[in-house]
Amino acid sequence: MAIFSVVLALSGCAGKKASRNALLPNVSGKAGEIIVVIDRDSWEGDLGSGIRDLLASDCEYLAQREPLYSLANVPQGNFNNMFKIHRNILIVNIDPQLQKEGMIYQQDKWARPQSVAQINAFDRTSAVAILKENGEMIREFFEQAERGRIIANSIKYEELSLRQPVEALTGGVIHFPSGYRLKKATDHFLWIADEKQYTNQTVLIYKYPVTGDNPFTLENIIAKRNEIMKDNVPGMFENTYMTTSTAIEPTTVSKKYHGIEFMETRGFWEVYNDYMGGPFVSHSFYSKDGKDIIVLEAFVYAPKYDKRRYLREVESLLFSFEWKKGKK
């Protein structure tokens, strides 16, 4: 009886939260924007500089300079209902009467789907220290929020016809939204793209047998990438094909997301014997049976536009990958 009562109580709490969220307004603002609630003096001092260095530094591997996020400063006195429904909010709360300093992370506080991070500090010096200590977590908090919204939208408007070829090659699923189409399919390679008049967002999926003791070195990943691109991604003219630019050194970093460990590679692609190019990011990881390396790669071609939004959208699709349930 006691356990049954607890279950009922938890169900009731969950029900109340769901009901509350259903009543919240939808978020406002554009993707890639963050409202920073902070007084003007702090914004123009060391604290504001630290926030800009953290959240508005240049995106890597873009042809033009673009900030990671677009920031808008709103002083506490002006933080009214119009701003409270923004999708991403960073609040700097400086108060010597606080009981405790530190970070608070909240979801769907005033709208949905919303992410709010708050720095609580006794003074500006403490706020700067808290920002430095928690910078990576703050940035990842907003990155996951942006990513989660894109994935949720992709699932809502999923192009279900793409599930079968992806599962056949990888043993898993990527949630592609409507607009993406299968352009090429072989036993070891898929080319899936959303091509519009002036933009191209593409995901390439390929696999190859594991060889050697360490297949995830930058040298091995790029060598295999160049080999597969040459064979599968031709350019517009004879003797042109995709390759990895040597003008900008690619980078790799080991990551784990939803239980999958992978090597993330970022770099700049170009077309051999042509002038096309753009940013790419890839996730390389072992297949379920450990015999192959699976690579999920996203790239963008948008010569007329800023590329931050397009790259974030297509990169988020890689994070939607999940092993097919029950797949051995």
C-alpha atoms as a PDB file:
ATOM      1  CA  MET A   1       0.000   0.000   0.000  1.00  0.00           C
ATOM      2  CA  ALA A   2       2.840   2.415   0.890  1.00  0.00           C
ATOM      3  CA  ILE A   3       4.658   1.779  -2.412  1.00  0.00           C
ATOM      4  CA  PHE A   4       1.389   2.205  -4.314  1.00  0.00           C
ATOM      5  CA  SER A   5       0.834   5.537  -2.562  1.00  0.00           C
ATOM      6  CA  VAL A   6       4.321   6.748  -3.528  1.00  0.00           C
ATOM      7  CA  VAL A   7       3.711   5.777  -7.163  1.00  0.00           C
ATOM      8  CA  LEU A   8       0.450   7.684  -7.125  1.00  0.00           C
ATOM      9  CA  ALA A   9       2.167  10.708  -5.584  1.00  0.00           C
ATOM     10  CA  LEU A  10       4.960  10.679  -8.170  1.00  0.00           C
ATOM     11  CA  SER A  11       2.446  10.220 -10.964  1.00  0.00           C
ATOM     12  CA  GLY A  12       0.516  13.162  -9.602  1.00  0.00           C
ATOM     13  CA  CYS A  13       3.665  15.331  -9.540  1.00  0.00           C
ATOM     14  CA  ALA A  14       4.531  14.301 -13.086  1.00  0.00           C
ATOM     15  CA  GLY A  15       0.985  15.038 -14.148  1.00  0.00           C
ATOM     16  CA  LYS A  16       1.079  18.493 -12.567  1.00  0.00           C
ATOM     17  CA  LYS A  17       4.398  19.276 -14.283  1.00  0.00           C
ATOM     18  CA  ALA A  18       3.040  18.130 -17.639  1.00  0.00           C
ATOM     19  CA  SER A  19      -0.107  20.210 -17.114  1.00  0.00           C
ATOM     20  CA  ARG A  20       1.974  23.250 -16.160  1.00  0.00           C
ATOM     21  CA  ASN A  21       4.219  22.864 -19.215  1.00  0.00           C
ATOM     22  CA  ALA A  22       1.179  22.569 -21.456  1.00  0.00           C
ATOM     23  CA  LEU A  23       0.075  26.015 -20.272  1.00  0.00           C
ATOM     24  CA  LEU A  24       3.441  27.665 -20.925  1.00  0.00           C
ATOM     25  CA  PRO A  25       3.817  29.803 -24.057  1.00  0.00           C
ATOM     26  CA  ASN A  26       6.168  28.757 -26.829  1.00  0.00           C
ATOM     27  CA  VAL A  27       9.611  30.291 -26.696  1.00  0.00           C
ATOM     28  CA  SER A  28      10.480  33.380 -28.690  1.00  0.00           C
ATOM     29  CA  GLY A  29      13.666  34.493 -30.406  1.00  0.00           C
ATOM     30  CA  LYS A  30      15.850  33.013 -33.107  1.00  0.00           C
ATOM     31  CA  ALA A  31      17.943  29.869 -32.870  1.00  0.00           C
ATOM     32  CA  GLY A  32      21.469  30.647 -31.741  1.00  0.00           C
ATOM     33  CA  GLU A  33      20.487  33.637 -29.584  1.00  0.00           C
ATOM     34  CA  ILE A  34      21.025  34.052 -25.829  1.00  0.00           C
ATOM     35  CA  ILE A  35      19.576  36.789 -23.627  1.00  0.00           C
ATOM     36  CA  VAL A  36      22.143  37.815 -20.984  1.00  0.00           C
ATOM     37  CA  VAL A  37      20.500  39.423 -17.951  1.00  0.00           C
ATOM     38  CA  ILE A  38      23.204  41.528 -16.308  1.00  0.00           C
ATOM     39  CA  ASP A  39      23.638  45.163 -15.243  1.00  0.00           C
ATOM     40  CA  ARG A  40      25.302  47.477 -17.737  1.00  0.00           C
ATOM     41  CA  ASP A  41      28.481  48.108 -15.719  1.00  0.00           C
ATOM     42  CA  SER A  42      29.143  44.376 -15.313  1.00  0.00           C
ATOM     43  CA  TRP A  43      28.397  43.768 -19.003  1.00  0.00           C
ATOM     44  CA  GLU A  44      30.985  46.338 -20.023  1.00  0.00           C
ATOM     45  CA  GLY A  45      33.592  45.074 -17.532  1.00  0.00           C
ATOM     46  CA  ASP A  46      35.553  41.869 -16.964  1.00  0.00           C
ATOM     47  CA  LEU A  47      32.421  39.818 -16.332  1.00  0.00           C
ATOM     48  CA  GLY A  48      30.835  40.783 -19.635  1.00  0.00           C
ATOM     49  CA  SER A  49      34.111  40.152 -21.449  1.00  0.00           C
ATOM     50  CA  GLY A  50      34.251  36.682 -19.921  1.00  0.00           C
ATOM     51  CA  ILE A  51      30.712  35.917 -21.072  1.00  0.00           C
ATOM     52  CA  ARG A  52      31.453  37.109 -24.602  1.00  0.00           C
ATOM     53  CA  ASP A  53      34.682  35.073 -24.726  1.00  0.00           C
ATOM     54  CA  LEU A  54      32.733  32.005 -23.635  1.00  0.00           C
ATOM     55  CA  LEU A  55      29.580  32.276 -25.738  1.00  0.00           C
ATOM     56  CA  ALA A  56      30.384  34.668 -28.594  1.00  0.00           C
ATOM     57  CA  SER A  57      33.829  33.481 -29.661  1.00  0.00           C
ATOM     58  CA  ASP A  58      34.281  32.647 -33.335  1.00  0.00           C
ATOM     59  CA  CYS A  59      32.830  29.388 -34.634  1.00  0.00           C
ATOM     60  CA  GLU A  60      35.567  27.087 -35.825  1.00  0.00           C
ATOM     61  CA  TYR A  61      36.099  26.209 -39.478  1.00  0.00           C
ATOM     62  CA  LEU A  62      33.730  28.769 -40.974  1.00  0.00           C
ATOM     63  CA  ALA A  63      34.920  30.785 -43.961  1.00  0.00           C
ATOM     64  CA  GLN A  64      33.635  34.041 -42.441  1.00  0.00           C
ATOM     65  CA  ARG A  65      33.790  35.095 -38.808  1.00  0.00           C
ATOM     66  CA  GLU A  66      30.582  34.181 -37.001  1.00  0.00           C
ATOM     67  CA  PRO A  67      30.018  34.061 -33.226  1.00  0.00           C
ATOM     68  CA  LEU A  68      29.083  30.816 -31.513  1.00  0.00           C
ATOM     69  CA  TYR A  69      25.948  32.598 -30.206  1.00  0.00           C
ATOM     70  CA  SER A  70      24.399  36.003 -30.758  1.00  0.00           C
ATOM     71  CA  LEU A  71      24.176  37.704 -27.355  1.00  0.00           C
ATOM     72  CA  ALA A  72      21.759  40.432 -26.278  1.00  0.00           C
ATOM     73  CA  ASN A  73      22.280  42.261 -22.980  1.00  0.00           C
ATOM     74  CA  VAL A  74      19.169  43.046 -20.919  1.00  0.00           C
ATOM     75  CA  PRO A  75      19.637  44.828 -17.555  1.00  0.00           C
ATOM     76  CA  GLN A  76      17.755  43.254 -14.641  1.00  0.00           C
ATOM     77  CA  GLY A  77      15.324  46.199 -14.438  1.00  0.00           C
ATOM     78  CA  ASN A  78      14.297  45.699 -18.059  1.00  0.00           C
ATOM     79  CA  PHE A  79      13.905  41.933 -17.830  1.00  0.00           C
ATOM     80  CA  ASN A  80      10.144  41.814 -18.321  1.00  0.00           C
ATOM     81  CA  ASN A  81       7.700  39.231 -19.673  1.00  0.00           C
ATOM     82  CA  MET A  82       8.698  39.953 -23.260  1.00  0.00           C
ATOM     83  CA  PHE A  83      12.259  38.735 -22.585  1.00  0.00           C
ATOM     84  CA  LYS A  84      11.313  35.961 -20.144  1.00  0.00           C
ATOM     85  CA  ILE A  85       9.906  33.776 -22.899  1.00  0.00           C
ATOM     86  CA  HIS A  86      13.165  33.735 -24.892  1.00  0.00           C
ATOM     87  CA  ARG A  87      14.539  30.281 -25.708  1.00  0.00           C
ATOM     88  CA  ASN A  88      17.966  30.762 -24.067  1.00  0.00           C
ATOM     89  CA  ILE A  89      18.608  32.957 -21.021  1.00  0.00           C
ATOM     90  CA  LEU A  90      21.722  33.504 -18.919  1.00  0.00           C
ATOM     91  CA  ILE A  91      21.020  35.414 -15.693  1.00  0.00           C
ATOM     92  CA  VAL A  92      23.813  36.940 -13.606  1.00  0.00           C
ATOM     93  CA  ASN A  93      22.430  37.484 -10.106  1.00  0.00           C
ATOM     94  CA  ILE A  94      24.858  39.466  -7.915  1.00  0.00           C
ATOM     95  CA  ASP A  95      23.611  39.918  -4.349  1.00  0.00           C
ATOM     96  CA  PRO A  96      25.729  40.061  -1.146  1.00  0.00           C
ATOM     97  CA  GLN A  97      22.696  38.792   0.804  1.00  0.00           C
ATOM     98  CA  LEU A  98      22.555  35.465  -1.037  1.00  0.00           C
ATOM     99  CA  GLN A  99      22.691  32.364   1.117  1.00  0.00           C
ATOM    100  CA  LYS A 100      24.705  30.389  -1.426  1.00  0.00           C
ATOM    101  CA  GLU A 101      26.790  31.034  -4.534  1.00  0.00           C
ATOM    102  CA  GLY A 102      26.889  28.807  -7.589  1.00  0.00           C
ATOM    103  CA  MET A 103      25.054  27.783 -10.745  1.00  0.00           C
ATOM    104  CA  ILE A 104      21.387  26.956 -11.297  1.00  0.00           C
ATOM    105  CA  TYR A 105      20.170  25.284 -14.499  1.00  0.00           C
ATOM    106  CA  GLN A 106      16.447  25.226 -15.294  1.00  0.00           C
ATOM    107  CA  GLN A 107      14.266  23.992 -18.137  1.00  0.00           C
ATOM    108  CA  ASP A 108      10.920  25.502 -19.183  1.00  0.00           C
ATOM    109  CA  LYS A 109      10.878  28.167 -16.464  1.00  0.00           C
ATOM    110  CA  TRP A 110       8.736  30.759 -18.264  1.00  0.00           C
ATOM    111  CA  ALA A 111       8.183  29.139 -21.683  1.00  0.00           C
ATOM    112  CA  ARG A 112       8.864  25.908 -23.551  1.00  0.00           C
ATOM    113  CA  PRO A 113      11.209  24.510 -24.696  1.00  0.00           C
ATOM    114  CA  GLN A 114      13.363  26.928 -22.724  1.00  0.00           C
ATOM    115  CA  SER A 115      16.795  26.736 -21.056  1.00  0.00           C
ATOM    116  CA  VAL A 116      17.796  29.139 -18.271  1.00  0.00           C
ATOM    117  CA  ALA A 117      21.231  29.227 -16.609  1.00  0.00           C
ATOM    118  CA  GLN A 118      21.781  31.463 -13.592  1.00  0.00           C
ATOM    119  CA  ILE A 119      24.998  32.578 -11.896  1.00  0.00           C
ATOM    120  CA  ASN A 120      24.464  33.426  -8.210  1.00  0.00           C
ATOM    121  CA  ALA A 121      27.349  35.409  -6.718  1.00  0.00           C
ATOM    122  CA  PHE A 122      28.034  37.706  -3.774  1.00  0.00           C
ATOM    123  CA  ASP A 123      29.959  40.179  -5.939  1.00  0.00           C
ATOM    124  CA  ARG A 124      31.439  40.637  -9.427  1.00  0.00           C
ATOM    125  CA  THR A 125      34.745  39.011  -8.507  1.00  0.00           C
ATOM    126  CA  SER A 126      32.941  35.874  -7.382  1.00  0.00           C
ATOM    127  CA  ALA A 127      30.765  35.943 -10.512  1.00  0.00           C
ATOM    128  CA  VAL A 128      33.874  35.976 -12.728  1.00  0.00           C
ATOM    129  CA  ALA A 129      35.294  33.002 -10.801  1.00  0.00           C
ATOM    130  CA  ILE A 130      32.027  31.034 -11.072  1.00  0.00           C
ATOM    131  CA  LEU A 131      31.865  31.764 -14.810  1.00  0.00           C
ATOM    132  CA  LYS A 132      35.408  30.478 -15.334  1.00  0.00           C
ATOM    133  CA  GLU A 133      34.839  27.373 -13.239  1.00  0.00           C
ATOM    134  CA  ASN A 134      31.574  26.469 -14.968  1.00  0.00           C
ATOM    135  CA  GLY A 135      32.216  27.861 -18.459  1.00  0.00           C
ATOM    136  CA  GLU A 136      32.373  24.564 -20.285  1.00  0.00           C
ATOM    137  CA  MET A 137      29.202  23.326 -18.589  1.00  0.00           C
ATOM    138  CA  ILE A 138      27.335  26.558 -19.370  1.00  0.00           C
ATOM    139  CA  ARG A 139      28.277  26.388 -23.029  1.00  0.00           C
ATOM    140  CA  GLU A 140      27.340  22.713 -23.279  1.00  0.00           C
ATOM    141  CA  PHE A 141      24.026  23.442 -21.512  1.00  0.00           C
ATOM    142  CA  PHE A 142      22.979  25.868 -24.235  1.00  0.00           C
ATOM    143  CA  GLU A 143      24.465  23.713 -26.995  1.00  0.00           C
ATOM    144  CA  GLN A 144      22.397  20.734 -25.856  1.00  0.00           C
ATOM    145  CA  ALA A 145      19.321  22.960 -25.658  1.00  0.00           C
ATOM    146  CA  GLU A 146      19.745  24.088 -29.268  1.00  0.00           C
ATOM    147  CA  ARG A 147      20.528  20.544 -30.354  1.00  0.00           C
ATOM    148  CA  GLY A 148      17.535  19.109 -28.498  1.00  0.00           C
ATOM    149  CA  ARG A 149      15.096  21.496 -30.178  1.00  0.00           C
ATOM    150  CA  ILE A 150      16.410  20.564 -33.620  1.00  0.00           C
ATOM    151  CA  ILE A 151      16.199  16.833 -32.888  1.00  0.00           C
ATOM    152  CA  ALA A 152      12.688  17.161 -31.442  1.00  0.00           C
ATOM    153  CA  ASN A 153      11.573  18.977 -34.589  1.00  0.00           C
ATOM    154  CA  SER A 154      13.261  16.344 -36.761  1.00  0.00           C
ATOM    155  CA  ILE A 155      11.414  13.542 -34.966  1.00  0.00           C
ATOM    156  CA  LYS A 156       8.118  15.423 -35.251  1.00  0.00           C
ATOM    157  CA  TYR A 157       8.521  15.865 -39.013  1.00  0.00           C
ATOM    158  CA  GLU A 158      10.674  12.814 -39.702  1.00  0.00           C
ATOM    159  CA  GLU A 159      11.258  11.506 -43.216  1.00  0.00           C
ATOM    160  CA  LEU A 160      10.571   7.870 -42.318  1.00  0.00           C
ATOM    161  CA  SER A 161      11.667   6.517 -45.703  1.00  0.00           C
ATOM    162  CA  LEU A 162      15.301   7.149 -44.715  1.00  0.00           C
ATOM    163  CA  ARG A 163      15.226   4.845 -41.715  1.00  0.00           C
ATOM    164  CA  GLN A 164      15.631   1.585 -43.636  1.00  0.00           C
ATOM    165  CA  PRO A 165      18.831   2.418 -45.572  1.00  0.00           C
ATOM    166  CA  VAL A 166      20.473   3.953 -42.485  1.00  0.00           C
ATOM    167  CA  GLU A 167      19.595   0.946 -40.336  1.00  0.00           C
ATOM    168  CA  ALA A 168      20.815  -1.484 -42.996  1.00  0.00           C
ATOM    169  CA  LEU A 169      24.222   0.200 -43.111  1.00  0.00           C
ATOM    170  CA  THR A 170      24.759   1.086 -39.444  1.00  0.00           C
ATOM    171  CA  GLY A 171      22.349  -0.931 -37.299  1.00  0.00           C
ATOM    172  CA  GLY A 172      20.942   2.351 -35.991  1.00  0.00           C
ATOM    173  CA  VAL A 173      18.675   5.265 -36.823  1.00  0.00           C
ATOM    174  CA  ILE A 174      19.177   8.959 -37.573  1.00  0.00           C
ATOM    175  CA  HIS A 175      16.056  11.126 -37.401  1.00  0.00           C
ATOM    176  CA  PHE A 176      16.087  13.105 -40.649  1.00  0.00           C
ATOM    177  CA  PRO A 177      13.386  15.765 -41.040  1.00  0.00           C
ATOM    178  CA  SER A 178      11.305  16.178 -44.181  1.00  0.00           C
ATOM    179  CA  GLY A 179      13.278  17.763 -46.999  1.00  0.00           C
ATOM    180  CA  TYR A 180      16.174  15.307 -46.816  1.00  0.00           C
ATOM    181  CA  ARG A 181      16.473  12.849 -49.689  1.00  0.00           C
ATOM    182  CA  LEU A 182      18.629   9.820 -50.439  1.00  0.00           C
ATOM    183  CA  LYS A 183      21.038  10.724 -53.254  1.00  0.00           C
ATOM    184  CA  LYS A 184      23.351   7.710 -53.278  1.00  0.00           C
ATOM    185  CA  ALA A 185      23.403   4.299 -51.618  1.00  0.00           C
ATOM    186  CA  THR A 186      25.927   1.451 -51.719  1.00  0.00           C
ATOM    187  CA  ASP A 187      26.658  -1.372 -49.297  1.00  0.00           C
ATOM    188  CA  HIS A 188      29.090   0.874 -47.399  1.00  0.00           C
ATOM    189  CA  PHE A 189      28.077   4.463 -48.217  1.00  0.00           C
ATOM    190  CA  LEU A 190      24.993   6.711 -48.002  1.00  0.00           C
ATOM    191  CA  TRP A 191      24.585  10.280 -49.245  1.00  0.00           C
ATOM    192  CA  ILE A 192      21.536  12.045 -47.767  1.00  0.00           C
ATOM    193  CA  ALA A 193      20.945  15.734 -48.408  1.00  0.00           C
ATOM    194  CA  ASP A 194      18.549  18.657 -48.140  1.00  0.00           C
ATOM    195  CA  GLU A 195      19.382  20.681 -51.240  1.00  0.00           C
ATOM    196  CA  LYS A 196      17.821  24.070 -51.878  1.00  0.00           C
ATOM    197  CA  GLN A 197      18.642  26.748 -54.424  1.00  0.00           C
ATOM    198  CA  TYR A 198      21.438  28.372 -52.413  1.00  0.00           C
ATOM    199  CA  THR A 199      22.078  25.954 -49.541  1.00  0.00           C
ATOM    200  CA  ASN A 200      23.115  22.345 -49.219  1.00  0.00           C
ATOM    201  CA  GLN A 201      22.996  20.460 -45.905  1.00  0.00           C
ATOM    202  CA  THR A 202      24.342  16.942 -46.267  1.00  0.00           C
ATOM    203  CA  VAL A 203      24.943  13.865 -44.134  1.00  0.00           C
ATOM    204  CA  LEU A 204      27.327  11.210 -45.404  1.00  0.00           C
ATOM    205  CA  ILE A 205      27.271   7.812 -43.695  1.00  0.00           C
ATOM    206  CA  TYR A 206      29.935   5.229 -44.359  1.00  0.00           C
ATOM    207  CA  LYS A 207      31.729   2.302 -42.787  1.00  0.00           C
ATOM    208  CA  TYR A 208      34.964   0.425 -43.302  1.00  0.00           C
ATOM    209  CA  PRO A 209      36.699  -2.543 -41.632  1.00  0.00           C
ATOM    210  CA  VAL A 210      38.773  -1.960 -38.511  1.00  0.00           C
ATOM    211  CA  THR A 211      42.496  -2.223 -39.225  1.00  0.00           C
ATOM    212  CA  GLY A 212      45.425  -1.484 -36.943  1.00  0.00           C
ATOM    213  CA  ASP A 213      45.529  -0.859 -33.220  1.00  0.00           C
ATOM    214  CA  ASN A 214      44.317   2.753 -33.224  1.00  0.00           C
ATOM    215  CA  PRO A 215      41.901   3.628 -36.036  1.00  0.00           C
ATOM    216  CA  PHE A 216      40.848   6.893 -34.377  1.00  0.00           C
ATOM    217  CA  THR A 217      44.003   8.941 -34.845  1.00  0.00           C
ATOM    218  CA  LEU A 218      43.518  12.148 -36.833  1.00  0.00           C
ATOM    219  CA  GLU A 219      45.843  10.849 -39.536  1.00  0.00           C
ATOM    220  CA  ASN A 220      43.890   7.603 -39.972  1.00  0.00           C
ATOM    221  CA  ILE A 221      40.467   9.293 -39.910  1.00  0.00           C
ATOM    222  CA  ILE A 222      41.437  11.893 -42.540  1.00  0.00           C
ATOM    223  CA  ALA A 223      43.249   9.364 -44.767  1.00  0.00           C
ATOM    224  CA  LYS A 224      40.177   7.132 -44.824  1.00  0.00           C
ATOM    225  CA  ARG A 225      37.883  10.122 -45.319  1.00  0.00           C
ATOM    226  CA  ASN A 226      39.842  11.318 -48.356  1.00  0.00           C
ATOM    227  CA  GLU A 227      39.836   7.833 -49.857  1.00  0.00           C
ATOM    228  CA  ILE A 228      36.063   7.447 -49.474  1.00  0.00           C
ATOM    229  CA  MET A 229      35.251  10.991 -50.626  1.00  0.00           C
ATOM    230  CA  LYS A 230      37.315  10.536 -53.792  1.00  0.00           C
ATOM    231  CA  ASP A 231      35.415   7.364 -54.651  1.00  0.00           C
ATOM    232  CA  ASN A 232      31.921   8.550 -53.738  1.00  0.00           C
ATOM    233  CA  VAL A 233      31.576  12.365 -53.845  1.00  0.00           C
ATOM    234  CA  PRO A 234      32.487  13.719 -57.284  1.00  0.00           C
ATOM    235  CA  GLY A 235      32.582  17.412 -58.140  1.00  0.00           C
ATOM    236  CA  MET A 236      30.729  19.115 -60.948  1.00  0.00           C
ATOM    237  CA  PHE A 237      33.517  18.653 -63.496  1.00  0.00           C
ATOM    238  CA  GLU A 238      35.819  15.881 -64.681  1.00  0.00           C
ATOM    239  CA  ASN A 239      38.629  14.985 -62.263  1.00  0.00           C
ATOM    240  CA  THR A 240      37.047  16.890 -59.360  1.00  0.00           C
ATOM    241  CA  TYR A 241      36.043  15.343 -56.053  1.00  0.00           C
ATOM    242  CA  MET A 242      35.658  16.164 -52.379  1.00  0.00           C
ATOM    243  CA  THR A 243      38.722  16.045 -50.144  1.00  0.00           C
ATOM    244  CA  THR A 244      39.951  17.564 -46.873  1.00  0.00           C
ATOM    245  CA  SER A 245      41.532  21.004 -46.999  1.00  0.00           C
ATOM    246  CA  THR A 246      45.154  21.151 -45.873  1.00  0.00           C
ATOM    247  CA  ALA A 247      45.033  24.924 -45.441  1.00  0.00           C
ATOM    248  CA  ILE A 248      43.266  24.496 -42.079  1.00  0.00           C
ATOM    249  CA  GLU A 249      44.375  21.627 -39.847  1.00  0.00           C
ATOM    250  CA  PRO A 250      41.449  19.405 -38.756  1.00  0.00           C
ATOM    251  CA  THR A 251      41.028  18.575 -35.080  1.00  0.00           C
ATOM    252  CA  THR A 252      39.708  15.569 -33.172  1.00  0.00           C
ATOM    253  CA  VAL A 253      38.255  15.199 -29.698  1.00  0.00           C
ATOM    254  CA  SER A 254      36.869  12.140 -27.914  1.00  0.00           C
ATOM    255  CA  LYS A 255      33.236  12.456 -26.795  1.00  0.00           C
ATOM    256  CA  LYS A 256      30.389  10.404 -25.375  1.00  0.00           C
ATOM    257  CA  TYR A 257      26.705  11.084 -25.975  1.00  0.00           C
ATOM    258  CA  HIS A 258      23.732   8.906 -25.017  1.00  0.00           C
ATOM    259  CA  GLY A 259      26.030   6.005 -24.216  1.00  0.00           C
ATOM    260  CA  ILE A 260      27.941   6.075 -27.527  1.00  0.00           C
ATOM    261  CA  GLU A 261      31.654   6.875 -27.430  1.00  0.00           C
ATOM    262  CA  PHE A 262      32.934   8.510 -30.614  1.00  0.00           C
ATOM    263  CA  MET A 263      35.731  10.623 -32.043  1.00  0.00           C
ATOM    264  CA  GLU A 264      34.522  14.006 -33.259  1.00  0.00           C
ATOM    265  CA  THR A 265      36.496  15.460 -36.171  1.00  0.00           C
ATOM    266  CA  ARG A 266      36.120  19.027 -37.405  1.00  0.00           C
ATOM    267  CA  GLY A 267      37.672  20.484 -40.498  1.00  0.00           C
ATOM    268  CA  PHE A 268      37.174  22.199 -43.818  1.00  0.00           C
ATOM    269  CA  TRP A 269      36.273  20.306 -46.987  1.00  0.00           C
ATOM    270  CA  GLU A 270      37.142  21.408 -50.492  1.00  0.00           C
ATOM    271  CA  VAL A 271      36.726  20.103 -54.014  1.00  0.00           C
ATOM    272  CA  TYR A 272      39.941  19.009 -55.716  1.00  0.00           C
ATOM    273  CA  ASN A 273      40.555  21.039 -58.900  1.00  0.00           C
ATOM    274  CA  ASP A 274      37.632  23.378 -58.095  1.00  0.00           C
ATOM    275  CA  TYR A 275      36.830  26.270 -55.765  1.00  0.00           C
ATOM    276  CA  MET A 276      34.010  24.867 -53.632  1.00  0.00           C
ATOM    277  CA  GLY A 277      34.458  24.351 -49.906  1.00  0.00           C
ATOM    278  CA  GLY A 278      32.885  24.562 -46.458  1.00  0.00           C
ATOM    279  CA  PRO A 279      32.897  23.193 -42.905  1.00  0.00           C
ATOM    280  CA  PHE A 280      32.361  19.574 -41.921  1.00  0.00           C
ATOM    281  CA  VAL A 281      32.066  17.607 -38.685  1.00  0.00           C
ATOM    282  CA  SER A 282      32.087  13.835 -38.280  1.00  0.00           C
ATOM    283  CA  HIS A 283      31.493  11.217 -35.583  1.00  0.00           C
ATOM    284  CA  SER A 284      33.560   8.001 -35.867  1.00  0.00           C
ATOM    285  CA  PHE A 285      32.791   4.979 -33.681  1.00  0.00           C
ATOM    286  CA  TYR A 286      32.816   1.190 -33.608  1.00  0.00           C
ATOM    287  CA  SER A 287      29.951  -0.819 -35.032  1.00  0.00           C
ATOM    288  CA  LYS A 288      27.940  -2.959 -32.634  1.00  0.00           C
ATOM    289  CA  ASP A 289      30.046  -6.035 -33.384  1.00  0.00           C
ATOM    290  CA  GLY A 290      33.313  -4.066 -33.280  1.00  0.00           C
ATOM    291  CA  LYS A 291      34.369  -5.175 -36.761  1.00  0.00           C
ATOM    292  CA  ASP A 292      33.791  -1.873 -38.576  1.00  0.00           C
ATOM    293  CA  ILE A 293      34.241   1.843 -38.080  1.00  0.00           C
ATOM    294  CA  ILE A 294      31.022   3.785 -38.690  1.00  0.00           C
ATOM    295  CA  VAL A 295      31.313   7.446 -39.672  1.00  0.00           C
ATOM    296  CA  LEU A 296      28.487   9.969 -39.625  1.00  0.00           C
ATOM    297  CA  GLU A 297      29.537  13.186 -41.336  1.00  0.00           C
ATOM    298  CA  ALA A 298      27.696  16.479 -41.744  1.00  0.00           C
ATOM    299  CA  PHE A 299      28.727  19.270 -44.076  1.00  0.00           C
ATOM    300  CA  VAL A 300      27.322  22.533 -45.377  1.00  0.00           C
ATOM    301  CA  TYR A 301      27.612  24.459 -48.605  1.00  0.00           C
ATOM    302  CA  ALA A 302      25.975  27.893 -48.444  1.00  0.00           C
ATOM    303  CA  PRO A 303      28.166  30.437 -50.268  1.00  0.00           C
ATOM    304  CA  LYS A 304      25.592  33.234 -50.093  1.00  0.00           C
ATOM    305  CA  TYR A 305      24.813  32.963 -46.368  1.00  0.00           C
ATOM    306  CA  ASP A 306      26.300  32.767 -42.901  1.00  0.00           C
ATOM    307  CA  LYS A 307      26.795  29.102 -42.088  1.00  0.00           C
ATOM    308  CA  ARG A 308      26.518  28.843 -38.292  1.00  0.00           C
ATOM    309  CA  ARG A 309      22.820  28.008 -38.271  1.00  0.00           C
ATOM    310  CA  TYR A 310      23.009  25.569 -41.173  1.00  0.00           C
ATOM    311  CA  LEU A 311      25.962  23.696 -39.666  1.00  0.00           C
ATOM    312  CA  ARG A 312      24.347  23.485 -36.221  1.00  0.00           C
ATOM    313  CA  GLU A 313      21.143  22.123 -37.765  1.00  0.00           C
ATOM    314  CA  VAL A 314      22.786  19.356 -39.762  1.00  0.00           C
ATOM    315  CA  GLU A 315      25.350  18.552 -37.051  1.00  0.00           C
ATOM    316  CA  SER A 316      22.519  18.029 -34.557  1.00  0.00           C
ATOM    317  CA  LEU A 317      21.203  15.215 -36.753  1.00  0.00           C
ATOM    318  CA  LEU A 318      24.366  13.240 -36.001  1.00  0.00           C
ATOM    319  CA  PHE A 319      23.513  13.447 -32.306  1.00  0.00           C
ATOM    320  CA  SER A 320      20.091  11.956 -33.029  1.00  0.00           C
ATOM    321  CA  PHE A 321      21.733   8.631 -33.929  1.00  0.00           C
ATOM    322  CA  GLU A 322      20.638   5.724 -31.762  1.00  0.00           C
ATOM    323  CA  TRP A 323      21.109   2.003 -32.043  1.00  0.00           C
ATOM    324  CA  LYS A 324      18.030   0.206 -33.269  1.00  0.00           C
ATOM    325  CA  LYS A 325      16.320  -1.330 -30.246  1.00  0.00           C
ATOM    326  CA  GLY A 326      16.930  -5.045 -30.022  1.00  0.00           C
ATOM    327  CA  LYS A 327      19.722  -4.884 -32.596  1.00  0.00           C
ATOM    328  CA  LYS A 328      22.562  -7.253 -31.730  1.00  0.00           C
END
